[in-house]
Amino acid sequence: MPVNTRYVFIANMDVDADKEDLFNEVYDQEHVPLLLEVPGVLSVTRFTSEPLTMVIGGERRTIDAPGEPKYTAVYEIESPEVLVSDAWAAAIDRGRWSTQVRPYTRNRRHTLKKVM
């Protein structure tokens, strides 16, 4: 995934198993489109964790990352100010996200990274 900006905001989380279908529907059909309307949000890419086996130092290893959230979204943003803008604040609470999805998320992690 080529990064076309100087900053990425990363949101990681788990969701209750019985809410996963709703979580993915709302994230893809409402949450992401609303956040893409925010000035300074350039793109959003979603990921889900997968089992990892790789060779390190000539040895095949299965990497276990206990506690690592299942879902990740990477937002390319123009600057950190996007995340404190009125448009961002309004967008994150629109639609079903704040009432029907957010209460069922847990293990949330939010990070801001500057592209080197």
PDB file of N, CA and C in Angstrom:
ATOM      1  N   MET A   1       0.848  -1.166   0.000  1.00  0.00           N
ATOM      2  CA  MET A   1       0.000   0.000   0.000  1.00  0.00           C
ATOM      3  C   MET A   1       0.898   1.234   0.000  1.00  0.00           C
ATOM      4  N   PRO A   2       1.027   1.908  -1.127  1.00  0.00           N
ATOM      5  CA  PRO A   2       1.818   3.144  -1.121  1.00  0.00           C
ATOM      6  C   PRO A   2       1.098   4.229  -0.324  1.00  0.00           C
ATOM      7  N   VAL A   3       1.848   4.963   0.454  1.00  0.00           N
ATOM      8  CA  VAL A   3       1.279   6.035   1.272  1.00  0.00           C
ATOM      9  C   VAL A   3       1.519   7.346   0.544  1.00  0.00           C
ATOM     10  N   ASN A   4       0.452   8.095   0.368  1.00  0.00           N
ATOM     11  CA  ASN A   4       0.515   9.323  -0.422  1.00  0.00           C
ATOM     12  C   ASN A   4       0.395  10.587   0.414  1.00  0.00           C
ATOM     13  N   THR A   5       0.715  10.499   1.677  1.00  0.00           N
ATOM     14  CA  THR A   5       0.624  11.653   2.562  1.00  0.00           C
ATOM     15  C   THR A   5       1.708  11.547   3.631  1.00  0.00           C
ATOM     16  N   ARG A   6       1.795  12.534   4.485  1.00  0.00           N
ATOM     17  CA  ARG A   6       2.819  12.540   5.536  1.00  0.00           C
ATOM     18  C   ARG A   6       2.346  11.913   6.843  1.00  0.00           C
ATOM     19  N   TYR A   7       1.034  11.689   6.983  1.00  0.00           N
ATOM     20  CA  TYR A   7       0.511  11.157   8.246  1.00  0.00           C
ATOM     21  C   TYR A   7      -0.498  10.043   7.999  1.00  0.00           C
ATOM     22  N   VAL A   8      -0.450   9.047   8.877  1.00  0.00           N
ATOM     23  CA  VAL A   8      -1.500   8.035   8.901  1.00  0.00           C
ATOM     24  C   VAL A   8      -2.017   7.915  10.333  1.00  0.00           C
ATOM     25  N   PHE A   9      -3.314   7.796  10.432  1.00  0.00           N
ATOM     26  CA  PHE A   9      -3.994   7.546  11.690  1.00  0.00           C
ATOM     27  C   PHE A   9      -4.448   6.093  11.632  1.00  0.00           C
ATOM     28  N   ILE A  10      -4.150   5.333  12.685  1.00  0.00           N
ATOM     29  CA  ILE A  10      -4.466   3.915  12.703  1.00  0.00           C
ATOM     30  C   ILE A  10      -5.412   3.627  13.858  1.00  0.00           C
ATOM     31  N   ALA A  11      -6.524   2.987  13.542  1.00  0.00           N
ATOM     32  CA  ALA A  11      -7.503   2.584  14.551  1.00  0.00           C
ATOM     33  C   ALA A  11      -7.576   1.060  14.554  1.00  0.00           C
ATOM     34  N   ASN A  12      -7.301   0.466  15.706  1.00  0.00           N
ATOM     35  CA  ASN A  12      -7.369  -0.992  15.880  1.00  0.00           C
ATOM     36  C   ASN A  12      -8.445  -1.294  16.911  1.00  0.00           C
ATOM     37  N   MET A  13      -9.139  -2.412  16.723  1.00  0.00           N
ATOM     38  CA  MET A  13     -10.158  -2.781  17.705  1.00  0.00           C
ATOM     39  C   MET A  13     -10.651  -4.193  17.483  1.00  0.00           C
ATOM     40  N   ASP A  14     -11.281  -4.707  18.520  1.00  0.00           N
ATOM     41  CA  ASP A  14     -12.033  -5.950  18.457  1.00  0.00           C
ATOM     42  C   ASP A  14     -13.503  -5.578  18.574  1.00  0.00           C
ATOM     43  N   VAL A  15     -14.352  -6.501  18.196  1.00  0.00           N
ATOM     44  CA  VAL A  15     -15.793  -6.297  18.314  1.00  0.00           C
ATOM     45  C   VAL A  15     -16.408  -7.593  18.818  1.00  0.00           C
ATOM     46  N   ASP A  16     -17.489  -7.470  19.579  1.00  0.00           N
ATOM     47  CA  ASP A  16     -18.180  -8.662  20.069  1.00  0.00           C
ATOM     48  C   ASP A  16     -18.552  -9.542  18.882  1.00  0.00           C
ATOM     49  N   ALA A  17     -18.356 -10.842  19.025  1.00  0.00           N
ATOM     50  CA  ALA A  17     -18.568 -11.785  17.923  1.00  0.00           C
ATOM     51  C   ALA A  17     -19.971 -11.690  17.329  1.00  0.00           C
ATOM     52  N   ASP A  18     -20.969 -11.503  18.177  1.00  0.00           N
ATOM     53  CA  ASP A  18     -22.342 -11.442  17.667  1.00  0.00           C
ATOM     54  C   ASP A  18     -22.661 -10.122  16.967  1.00  0.00           C
ATOM     55  N   LYS A  19     -21.726  -9.175  16.958  1.00  0.00           N
ATOM     56  CA  LYS A  19     -21.924  -7.884  16.294  1.00  0.00           C
ATOM     57  C   LYS A  19     -21.000  -7.699  15.088  1.00  0.00           C
ATOM     58  N   GLU A  20     -20.206  -8.722  14.733  1.00  0.00           N
ATOM     59  CA  GLU A  20     -19.230  -8.555  13.652  1.00  0.00           C
ATOM     60  C   GLU A  20     -19.867  -8.225  12.305  1.00  0.00           C
ATOM     61  N   ASP A  21     -20.963  -8.868  11.964  1.00  0.00           N
ATOM     62  CA  ASP A  21     -21.601  -8.562  10.675  1.00  0.00           C
ATOM     63  C   ASP A  21     -22.059  -7.108  10.632  1.00  0.00           C
ATOM     64  N   LEU A  22     -22.704  -6.652  11.703  1.00  0.00           N
ATOM     65  CA  LEU A  22     -23.141  -5.262  11.768  1.00  0.00           C
ATOM     66  C   LEU A  22     -21.943  -4.318  11.748  1.00  0.00           C
ATOM     67  N   PHE A  23     -20.912  -4.643  12.505  1.00  0.00           N
ATOM     68  CA  PHE A  23     -19.682  -3.844  12.549  1.00  0.00           C
ATOM     69  C   PHE A  23     -19.135  -3.632  11.141  1.00  0.00           C
ATOM     70  N   ASN A  24     -18.960  -4.707  10.390  1.00  0.00           N
ATOM     71  CA  ASN A  24     -18.387  -4.601   9.054  1.00  0.00           C
ATOM     72  C   ASN A  24     -19.315  -3.872   8.082  1.00  0.00           C
ATOM     73  N   GLU A  25     -20.597  -4.114   8.174  1.00  0.00           N
ATOM     74  CA  GLU A  25     -21.562  -3.413   7.319  1.00  0.00           C
ATOM     75  C   GLU A  25     -21.513  -1.908   7.572  1.00  0.00           C
ATOM     76  N   VAL A  26     -21.610  -1.514   8.828  1.00  0.00           N
ATOM     77  CA  VAL A  26     -21.631  -0.089   9.163  1.00  0.00           C
ATOM     78  C   VAL A  26     -20.282   0.556   8.856  1.00  0.00           C
ATOM     79  N   TYR A  27     -19.193  -0.129   9.159  1.00  0.00           N
ATOM     80  CA  TYR A  27     -17.866   0.438   8.892  1.00  0.00           C
ATOM     81  C   TYR A  27     -17.710   0.729   7.399  1.00  0.00           C
ATOM     82  N   ASP A  28     -18.056  -0.269   6.563  1.00  0.00           N
ATOM     83  CA  ASP A  28     -17.858  -0.130   5.124  1.00  0.00           C
ATOM     84  C   ASP A  28     -18.874   0.791   4.452  1.00  0.00           C
ATOM     85  N   GLN A  29     -20.121   0.704   4.860  1.00  0.00           N
ATOM     86  CA  GLN A  29     -21.174   1.422   4.152  1.00  0.00           C
ATOM     87  C   GLN A  29     -21.492   2.802   4.708  1.00  0.00           C
ATOM     88  N   GLU A  30     -21.146   3.052   5.975  1.00  0.00           N
ATOM     89  CA  GLU A  30     -21.461   4.346   6.581  1.00  0.00           C
ATOM     90  C   GLU A  30     -20.221   5.066   7.114  1.00  0.00           C
ATOM     91  N   HIS A  31     -19.498   4.397   8.019  1.00  0.00           N
ATOM     92  CA  HIS A  31     -18.420   5.061   8.752  1.00  0.00           C
ATOM     93  C   HIS A  31     -17.319   5.560   7.814  1.00  0.00           C
ATOM     94  N   VAL A  32     -16.804   4.678   6.970  1.00  0.00           N
ATOM     95  CA  VAL A  32     -15.746   5.079   6.045  1.00  0.00           C
ATOM     96  C   VAL A  32     -16.219   6.164   5.081  1.00  0.00           C
ATOM     97  N   PRO A  33     -17.369   6.011   4.413  1.00  0.00           N
ATOM     98  CA  PRO A  33     -17.808   7.089   3.512  1.00  0.00           C
ATOM     99  C   PRO A  33     -17.981   8.439   4.213  1.00  0.00           C
ATOM    100  N   LEU A  34     -18.488   8.431   5.439  1.00  0.00           N
ATOM    101  CA  LEU A  34     -18.650   9.692   6.169  1.00  0.00           C
ATOM    102  C   LEU A  34     -17.299  10.312   6.499  1.00  0.00           C
ATOM    103  N   LEU A  35     -16.334   9.496   6.898  1.00  0.00           N
ATOM    104  CA  LEU A  35     -15.010  10.040   7.221  1.00  0.00           C
ATOM    105  C   LEU A  35     -14.264  10.506   5.973  1.00  0.00           C
ATOM    106  N   LEU A  36     -14.535   9.887   4.843  1.00  0.00           N
ATOM    107  CA  LEU A  36     -13.898  10.337   3.598  1.00  0.00           C
ATOM    108  C   LEU A  36     -14.409  11.705   3.144  1.00  0.00           C
ATOM    109  N   GLU A  37     -15.535  12.144   3.696  1.00  0.00           N
ATOM    110  CA  GLU A  37     -16.056  13.483   3.409  1.00  0.00           C
ATOM    111  C   GLU A  37     -15.332  14.563   4.209  1.00  0.00           C
ATOM    112  N   VAL A  38     -14.591  14.168   5.236  1.00  0.00           N
ATOM    113  CA  VAL A  38     -13.889  15.123   6.092  1.00  0.00           C
ATOM    114  C   VAL A  38     -12.710  15.717   5.329  1.00  0.00           C
ATOM    115  N   PRO A  39     -12.621  17.034   5.242  1.00  0.00           N
ATOM    116  CA  PRO A  39     -11.462  17.638   4.584  1.00  0.00           C
ATOM    117  C   PRO A  39     -10.162  17.165   5.236  1.00  0.00           C
ATOM    118  N   GLY A  40      -9.226  16.715   4.399  1.00  0.00           N
ATOM    119  CA  GLY A  40      -7.946  16.239   4.898  1.00  0.00           C
ATOM    120  C   GLY A  40      -7.851  14.740   5.057  1.00  0.00           C
ATOM    121  N   VAL A  41      -8.972  14.019   4.948  1.00  0.00           N
ATOM    122  CA  VAL A  41      -8.934  12.554   4.951  1.00  0.00           C
ATOM    123  C   VAL A  41      -8.829  12.125   3.492  1.00  0.00           C
ATOM    124  N   LEU A  42      -7.723  11.477   3.147  1.00  0.00           N
ATOM    125  CA  LEU A  42      -7.441  11.148   1.757  1.00  0.00           C
ATOM    126  C   LEU A  42      -7.853   9.729   1.372  1.00  0.00           C
ATOM    127  N   SER A  43      -7.707   8.788   2.298  1.00  0.00           N
ATOM    128  CA  SER A  43      -8.089   7.411   2.001  1.00  0.00           C
ATOM    129  C   SER A  43      -8.257   6.640   3.303  1.00  0.00           C
ATOM    130  N   VAL A  44      -8.961   5.522   3.196  1.00  0.00           N
ATOM    131  CA  VAL A  44      -9.125   4.606   4.326  1.00  0.00           C
ATOM    132  C   VAL A  44      -8.956   3.191   3.780  1.00  0.00           C
ATOM    133  N   THR A  45      -8.125   2.410   4.454  1.00  0.00           N
ATOM    134  CA  THR A  45      -7.936   1.009   4.089  1.00  0.00           C
ATOM    135  C   THR A  45      -8.159   0.170   5.337  1.00  0.00           C
ATOM    136  N   ARG A  46      -8.986  -0.865   5.220  1.00  0.00           N
ATOM    137  CA  ARG A  46      -9.274  -1.730   6.364  1.00  0.00           C
ATOM    138  C   ARG A  46      -8.529  -3.052   6.242  1.00  0.00           C
ATOM    139  N   PHE A  47      -8.179  -3.602   7.408  1.00  0.00           N
ATOM    140  CA  PHE A  47      -7.447  -4.862   7.481  1.00  0.00           C
ATOM    141  C   PHE A  47      -8.057  -5.731   8.573  1.00  0.00           C
ATOM    142  N   THR A  48      -7.850  -7.023   8.453  1.00  0.00           N
ATOM    143  CA  THR A  48      -8.171  -7.954   9.521  1.00  0.00           C
ATOM    144  C   THR A  48      -6.944  -8.836   9.749  1.00  0.00           C
ATOM    145  N   SER A  49      -6.695  -9.174  10.989  1.00  0.00           N
ATOM    146  CA  SER A  49      -5.524  -9.988  11.327  1.00  0.00           C
ATOM    147  C   SER A  49      -5.683 -11.406  10.803  1.00  0.00           C
ATOM    148  N   GLU A  50      -4.557 -11.974  10.418  1.00  0.00           N
ATOM    149  CA  GLU A  50      -4.480 -13.348   9.927  1.00  0.00           C
ATOM    150  C   GLU A  50      -3.352 -14.054  10.678  1.00  0.00           C
ATOM    151  N   PRO A  51      -3.422 -15.376  10.768  1.00  0.00           N
ATOM    152  CA  PRO A  51      -2.315 -16.111  11.386  1.00  0.00           C
ATOM    153  C   PRO A  51      -1.025 -15.860  10.602  1.00  0.00           C
ATOM    154  N   LEU A  52       0.095 -15.809  11.306  1.00  0.00           N
ATOM    155  CA  LEU A  52       1.366 -15.488  10.672  1.00  0.00           C
ATOM    156  C   LEU A  52       2.413 -16.547  10.966  1.00  0.00           C
ATOM    157  N   THR A  53       2.937 -17.144   9.897  1.00  0.00           N
ATOM    158  CA  THR A  53       4.088 -18.025   9.985  1.00  0.00           C
ATOM    159  C   THR A  53       5.115 -17.496   9.007  1.00  0.00           C
ATOM    160  N   MET A  54       6.365 -17.360   9.465  1.00  0.00           N
ATOM    161  CA  MET A  54       7.416 -16.828   8.603  1.00  0.00           C
ATOM    162  C   MET A  54       8.771 -17.372   9.025  1.00  0.00           C
ATOM    163  N   VAL A  55       9.744 -17.155   8.191  1.00  0.00           N
ATOM    164  CA  VAL A  55      11.105 -17.558   8.502  1.00  0.00           C
ATOM    165  C   VAL A  55      11.848 -16.336   9.041  1.00  0.00           C
ATOM    166  N   ILE A  56      12.441 -16.517  10.226  1.00  0.00           N
ATOM    167  CA  ILE A  56      13.257 -15.476  10.855  1.00  0.00           C
ATOM    168  C   ILE A  56      14.567 -16.139  11.264  1.00  0.00           C
ATOM    169  N   GLY A  57      15.666 -15.577  10.808  1.00  0.00           N
ATOM    170  CA  GLY A  57      16.974 -16.133  11.155  1.00  0.00           C
ATOM    171  C   GLY A  57      17.126 -17.593  10.769  1.00  0.00           C
ATOM    172  N   GLY A  58      16.517 -17.986   9.641  1.00  0.00           N
ATOM    173  CA  GLY A  58      16.616 -19.358   9.167  1.00  0.00           C
ATOM    174  C   GLY A  58      15.682 -20.331   9.863  1.00  0.00           C
ATOM    175  N   GLU A  59      14.858 -19.848  10.759  1.00  0.00           N
ATOM    176  CA  GLU A  59      13.946 -20.713  11.512  1.00  0.00           C
ATOM    177  C   GLU A  59      12.497 -20.351  11.190  1.00  0.00           C
ATOM    178  N   ARG A  60      11.689 -21.358  10.896  1.00  0.00           N
ATOM    179  CA  ARG A  60      10.256 -21.148  10.645  1.00  0.00           C
ATOM    180  C   ARG A  60       9.560 -20.935  11.985  1.00  0.00           C
ATOM    181  N   ARG A  61       8.852 -19.824  12.094  1.00  0.00           N
ATOM    182  CA  ARG A  61       8.183 -19.497  13.361  1.00  0.00           C
ATOM    183  C   ARG A  61       6.738 -19.087  13.096  1.00  0.00           C
ATOM    184  N   THR A  62       5.893 -19.488  14.024  1.00  0.00           N
ATOM    185  CA  THR A  62       4.527 -18.985  14.038  1.00  0.00           C
ATOM    186  C   THR A  62       4.498 -17.867  15.071  1.00  0.00           C
ATOM    187  N   ILE A  63       4.104 -16.708  14.616  1.00  0.00           N
ATOM    188  CA  ILE A  63       4.104 -15.528  15.472  1.00  0.00           C
ATOM    189  C   ILE A  63       2.737 -15.394  16.121  1.00  0.00           C
ATOM    190  N   ASP A  64       2.735 -15.374  17.427  1.00  0.00           N
ATOM    191  CA  ASP A  64       1.501 -15.184  18.185  1.00  0.00           C
ATOM    192  C   ASP A  64       1.556 -13.802  18.814  1.00  0.00           C
ATOM    193  N   ALA A  65       0.559 -13.021  18.541  1.00  0.00           N
ATOM    194  CA  ALA A  65       0.502 -11.665  19.091  1.00  0.00           C
ATOM    195  C   ALA A  65      -0.713 -11.561  20.010  1.00  0.00           C
ATOM    196  N   PRO A  66      -0.604 -12.107  21.225  1.00  0.00           N
ATOM    197  CA  PRO A  66      -1.755 -12.080  22.129  1.00  0.00           C
ATOM    198  C   PRO A  66      -2.189 -10.649  22.424  1.00  0.00           C
ATOM    199  N   GLY A  67      -3.469 -10.457  22.389  1.00  0.00           N
ATOM    200  CA  GLY A  67      -4.013  -9.143  22.690  1.00  0.00           C
ATOM    201  C   GLY A  67      -4.080  -8.209  21.500  1.00  0.00           C
ATOM    202  N   GLU A  68      -3.517  -8.612  20.379  1.00  0.00           N
ATOM    203  CA  GLU A  68      -3.554  -7.770  19.179  1.00  0.00           C
ATOM    204  C   GLU A  68      -4.989  -7.708  18.652  1.00  0.00           C
ATOM    205  N   PRO A  69      -5.529  -6.516  18.424  1.00  0.00           N
ATOM    206  CA  PRO A  69      -6.899  -6.410  17.916  1.00  0.00           C
ATOM    207  C   PRO A  69      -7.056  -7.057  16.537  1.00  0.00           C
ATOM    208  N   LYS A  70      -8.232  -7.563  16.270  1.00  0.00           N
ATOM    209  CA  LYS A  70      -8.525  -8.249  15.006  1.00  0.00           C
ATOM    210  C   LYS A  70      -8.632  -7.279  13.833  1.00  0.00           C
ATOM    211  N   TYR A  71      -9.233  -6.112  14.057  1.00  0.00           N
ATOM    212  CA  TYR A  71      -9.507  -5.184  12.968  1.00  0.00           C
ATOM    213  C   TYR A  71      -8.617  -3.950  13.034  1.00  0.00           C
ATOM    214  N   THR A  72      -8.210  -3.488  11.858  1.00  0.00           N
ATOM    215  CA  THR A  72      -7.391  -2.283  11.746  1.00  0.00           C
ATOM    216  C   THR A  72      -7.906  -1.453  10.580  1.00  0.00           C
ATOM    217  N   ALA A  73      -7.953  -0.155  10.780  1.00  0.00           N
ATOM    218  CA  ALA A  73      -8.237   0.778   9.681  1.00  0.00           C
ATOM    219  C   ALA A  73      -7.107   1.801   9.653  1.00  0.00           C
ATOM    220  N   VAL A  74      -6.568   2.041   8.463  1.00  0.00           N
ATOM    221  CA  VAL A  74      -5.498   3.010   8.274  1.00  0.00           C
ATOM    222  C   VAL A  74      -6.059   4.165   7.454  1.00  0.00           C
ATOM    223  N   TYR A  75      -6.014   5.343   8.052  1.00  0.00           N
ATOM    224  CA  TYR A  75      -6.523   6.564   7.423  1.00  0.00           C
ATOM    225  C   TYR A  75      -5.338   7.418   6.996  1.00  0.00           C
ATOM    226  N   GLU A  76      -5.238   7.706   5.722  1.00  0.00           N
ATOM    227  CA  GLU A  76      -4.235   8.660   5.264  1.00  0.00           C
ATOM    228  C   GLU A  76      -4.832  10.049   5.463  1.00  0.00           C
ATOM    229  N   ILE A  77      -4.122  10.886   6.220  1.00  0.00           N
ATOM    230  CA  ILE A  77      -4.620  12.233   6.502  1.00  0.00           C
ATOM    231  C   ILE A  77      -3.547  13.262   6.170  1.00  0.00           C
ATOM    232  N   GLU A  78      -3.992  14.472   5.869  1.00  0.00           N
ATOM    233  CA  GLU A  78      -3.049  15.528   5.496  1.00  0.00           C
ATOM    234  C   GLU A  78      -2.237  16.041   6.668  1.00  0.00           C
ATOM    235  N   SER A  79      -2.854  16.071   7.861  1.00  0.00           N
ATOM    236  CA  SER A  79      -2.154  16.578   9.036  1.00  0.00           C
ATOM    237  C   SER A  79      -2.866  16.087  10.296  1.00  0.00           C
ATOM    238  N   PRO A  80      -2.200  16.142  11.435  1.00  0.00           N
ATOM    239  CA  PRO A  80      -2.841  15.746  12.687  1.00  0.00           C
ATOM    240  C   PRO A  80      -4.063  16.607  13.039  1.00  0.00           C
ATOM    241  N   GLU A  81      -4.118  17.825  12.522  1.00  0.00           N
ATOM    242  CA  GLU A  81      -5.241  18.716  12.820  1.00  0.00           C
ATOM    243  C   GLU A  81      -6.569  18.167  12.312  1.00  0.00           C
ATOM    244  N   VAL A  82      -6.515  17.297  11.311  1.00  0.00           N
ATOM    245  CA  VAL A  82      -7.739  16.682  10.791  1.00  0.00           C
ATOM    246  C   VAL A  82      -8.505  15.996  11.917  1.00  0.00           C
ATOM    247  N   LEU A  83      -7.777  15.348  12.819  1.00  0.00           N
ATOM    248  CA  LEU A  83      -8.390  14.534  13.871  1.00  0.00           C
ATOM    249  C   LEU A  83      -9.054  15.355  14.971  1.00  0.00           C
ATOM    250  N   VAL A  84      -8.806  16.649  15.004  1.00  0.00           N
ATOM    251  CA  VAL A  84      -9.441  17.517  15.999  1.00  0.00           C
ATOM    252  C   VAL A  84     -10.341  18.550  15.331  1.00  0.00           C
ATOM    253  N   SER A  85     -10.616  18.362  14.066  1.00  0.00           N
ATOM    254  CA  SER A  85     -11.463  19.308  13.342  1.00  0.00           C
ATOM    255  C   SER A  85     -12.934  19.088  13.687  1.00  0.00           C
ATOM    256  N   ASP A  86     -13.725  20.130  13.494  1.00  0.00           N
ATOM    257  CA  ASP A  86     -15.175  20.012  13.709  1.00  0.00           C
ATOM    258  C   ASP A  86     -15.781  18.981  12.764  1.00  0.00           C
ATOM    259  N   ALA A  87     -15.277  18.939  11.529  1.00  0.00           N
ATOM    260  CA  ALA A  87     -15.799  17.982  10.549  1.00  0.00           C
ATOM    261  C   ALA A  87     -15.552  16.546  10.995  1.00  0.00           C
ATOM    262  N   TRP A  88     -14.348  16.265  11.524  1.00  0.00           N
ATOM    263  CA  TRP A  88     -14.041  14.927  12.035  1.00  0.00           C
ATOM    264  C   TRP A  88     -14.953  14.593  13.208  1.00  0.00           C
ATOM    265  N   ALA A  89     -15.075  15.521  14.148  1.00  0.00           N
ATOM    266  CA  ALA A  89     -15.895  15.290  15.337  1.00  0.00           C
ATOM    267  C   ALA A  89     -17.341  14.973  14.962  1.00  0.00           C
ATOM    268  N   ALA A  90     -17.860  15.666  13.973  1.00  0.00           N
ATOM    269  CA  ALA A  90     -19.238  15.413  13.537  1.00  0.00           C
ATOM    270  C   ALA A  90     -19.346  14.067  12.822  1.00  0.00           C
ATOM    271  N   ALA A  91     -18.378  13.762  11.972  1.00  0.00           N
ATOM    272  CA  ALA A  91     -18.449  12.541  11.166  1.00  0.00           C
ATOM    273  C   ALA A  91     -18.356  11.271  12.002  1.00  0.00           C
ATOM    274  N   ILE A  92     -17.542  11.277  13.053  1.00  0.00           N
ATOM    275  CA  ILE A  92     -17.376  10.031  13.819  1.00  0.00           C
ATOM    276  C   ILE A  92     -18.624   9.666  14.621  1.00  0.00           C
ATOM    277  N   ASP A  93     -19.544  10.598  14.776  1.00  0.00           N
ATOM    278  CA  ASP A  93     -20.765  10.300  15.523  1.00  0.00           C
ATOM    279  C   ASP A  93     -22.014  10.213  14.649  1.00  0.00           C
ATOM    280  N   ARG A  94     -21.856  10.353  13.337  1.00  0.00           N
ATOM    281  CA  ARG A  94     -23.010  10.235  12.437  1.00  0.00           C
ATOM    282  C   ARG A  94     -23.317   8.776  12.143  1.00  0.00           C
ATOM    283  N   GLY A  95     -24.531   8.520  11.727  1.00  0.00           N
ATOM    284  CA  GLY A  95     -24.935   7.171  11.350  1.00  0.00           C
ATOM    285  C   GLY A  95     -25.077   6.260  12.555  1.00  0.00           C
ATOM    286  N   ARG A  96     -25.023   4.980  12.295  1.00  0.00           N
ATOM    287  CA  ARG A  96     -25.243   3.972  13.341  1.00  0.00           C
ATOM    288  C   ARG A  96     -24.004   3.668  14.161  1.00  0.00           C
ATOM    289  N   TRP A  97     -22.840   4.187  13.743  1.00  0.00           N
ATOM    290  CA  TRP A  97     -21.587   3.842  14.411  1.00  0.00           C
ATOM    291  C   TRP A  97     -21.630   4.104  15.914  1.00  0.00           C
ATOM    292  N   SER A  98     -21.998   5.314  16.305  1.00  0.00           N
ATOM    293  CA  SER A  98     -21.876   5.698  17.718  1.00  0.00           C
ATOM    294  C   SER A  98     -22.846   4.965  18.636  1.00  0.00           C
ATOM    295  N   THR A  99     -24.011   4.583  18.120  1.00  0.00           N
ATOM    296  CA  THR A  99     -25.005   3.955  18.993  1.00  0.00           C
ATOM    297  C   THR A  99     -25.106   2.446  18.842  1.00  0.00           C
ATOM    298  N   GLN A 100     -24.908   1.933  17.634  1.00  0.00           N
ATOM    299  CA  GLN A 100     -25.132   0.506  17.389  1.00  0.00           C
ATOM    300  C   GLN A 100     -23.847  -0.307  17.245  1.00  0.00           C
ATOM    301  N   VAL A 101     -22.709   0.370  17.091  1.00  0.00           N
ATOM    302  CA  VAL A 101     -21.456  -0.369  16.888  1.00  0.00           C
ATOM    303  C   VAL A 101     -20.428  -0.060  17.974  1.00  0.00           C
ATOM    304  N   ARG A 102     -20.092   1.205  18.161  1.00  0.00           N
ATOM    305  CA  ARG A 102     -19.034   1.575  19.105  1.00  0.00           C
ATOM    306  C   ARG A 102     -19.192   0.926  20.488  1.00  0.00           C
ATOM    307  N   PRO A 103     -20.423   0.834  21.040  1.00  0.00           N
ATOM    308  CA  PRO A 103     -20.543   0.215  22.369  1.00  0.00           C
ATOM    309  C   PRO A 103     -20.097  -1.248  22.421  1.00  0.00           C
ATOM    310  N   TYR A 104     -20.003  -1.903  21.281  1.00  0.00           N
ATOM    311  CA  TYR A 104     -19.634  -3.319  21.238  1.00  0.00           C
ATOM    312  C   TYR A 104     -18.188  -3.534  20.803  1.00  0.00           C
ATOM    313  N   THR A 105     -17.433  -2.456  20.703  1.00  0.00           N
ATOM    314  CA  THR A 105     -16.013  -2.572  20.391  1.00  0.00           C
ATOM    315  C   THR A 105     -15.211  -2.541  21.687  1.00  0.00           C
ATOM    316  N   ARG A 106     -14.018  -3.115  21.627  1.00  0.00           N
ATOM    317  CA  ARG A 106     -13.153  -3.145  22.808  1.00  0.00           C
ATOM    318  C   ARG A 106     -11.703  -3.279  22.328  1.00  0.00           C
ATOM    319  N   ASN A 107     -10.793  -3.234  23.259  1.00  0.00           N
ATOM    320  CA  ASN A 107      -9.371  -3.364  22.933  1.00  0.00           C
ATOM    321  C   ASN A 107      -8.981  -2.352  21.857  1.00  0.00           C
ATOM    322  N   ARG A 108      -9.518  -1.157  21.991  1.00  0.00           N
ATOM    323  CA  ARG A 108      -9.299  -0.112  20.985  1.00  0.00           C
ATOM    324  C   ARG A 108      -7.922   0.519  21.172  1.00  0.00           C
ATOM    325  N   ARG A 109      -7.263   0.738  20.051  1.00  0.00           N
ATOM    326  CA  ARG A 109      -5.961   1.411  20.050  1.00  0.00           C
ATOM    327  C   ARG A 109      -5.958   2.410  18.914  1.00  0.00           C
ATOM    328  N   HIS A 110      -5.528   3.596  19.212  1.00  0.00           N
ATOM    329  CA  HIS A 110      -5.449   4.645  18.194  1.00  0.00           C
ATOM    330  C   HIS A 110      -4.019   5.204  18.190  1.00  0.00           C
ATOM    331  N   THR A 111      -3.434   5.267  17.004  1.00  0.00           N
ATOM    332  CA  THR A 111      -2.084   5.801  16.894  1.00  0.00           C
ATOM    333  C   THR A 111      -1.989   6.709  15.671  1.00  0.00           C
ATOM    334  N   LEU A 112      -1.096   7.682  15.788  1.00  0.00           N
ATOM    335  CA  LEU A 112      -0.790   8.588  14.688  1.00  0.00           C
ATOM    336  C   LEU A 112       0.665   8.343  14.305  1.00  0.00           C
ATOM    337  N   LYS A 113       0.912   8.165  13.028  1.00  0.00           N
ATOM    338  CA  LYS A 113       2.269   7.922  12.535  1.00  0.00           C
ATOM    339  C   LYS A 113       2.614   8.966  11.503  1.00  0.00           C
ATOM    340  N   LYS A 114       3.863   9.432  11.557  1.00  0.00           N
ATOM    341  CA  LYS A 114       4.387  10.342  10.541  1.00  0.00           C
ATOM    342  C   LYS A 114       5.228   9.528   9.575  1.00  0.00           C
ATOM    343  N   VAL A 115       4.953   9.651   8.304  1.00  0.00           N
ATOM    344  CA  VAL A 115       5.701   8.921   7.281  1.00  0.00           C
ATOM    345  C   VAL A 115       7.092   9.495   7.201  1.00  0.00           C
ATOM    346  N   MET A 116       8.093   8.621   7.170  1.00  0.00           N
ATOM    347  CA  MET A 116       9.484   9.057   7.129  1.00  0.00           C
ATOM    348  C   MET A 116       9.946   9.249   5.682  1.00  0.00           C
TER     349      MET A 116
END
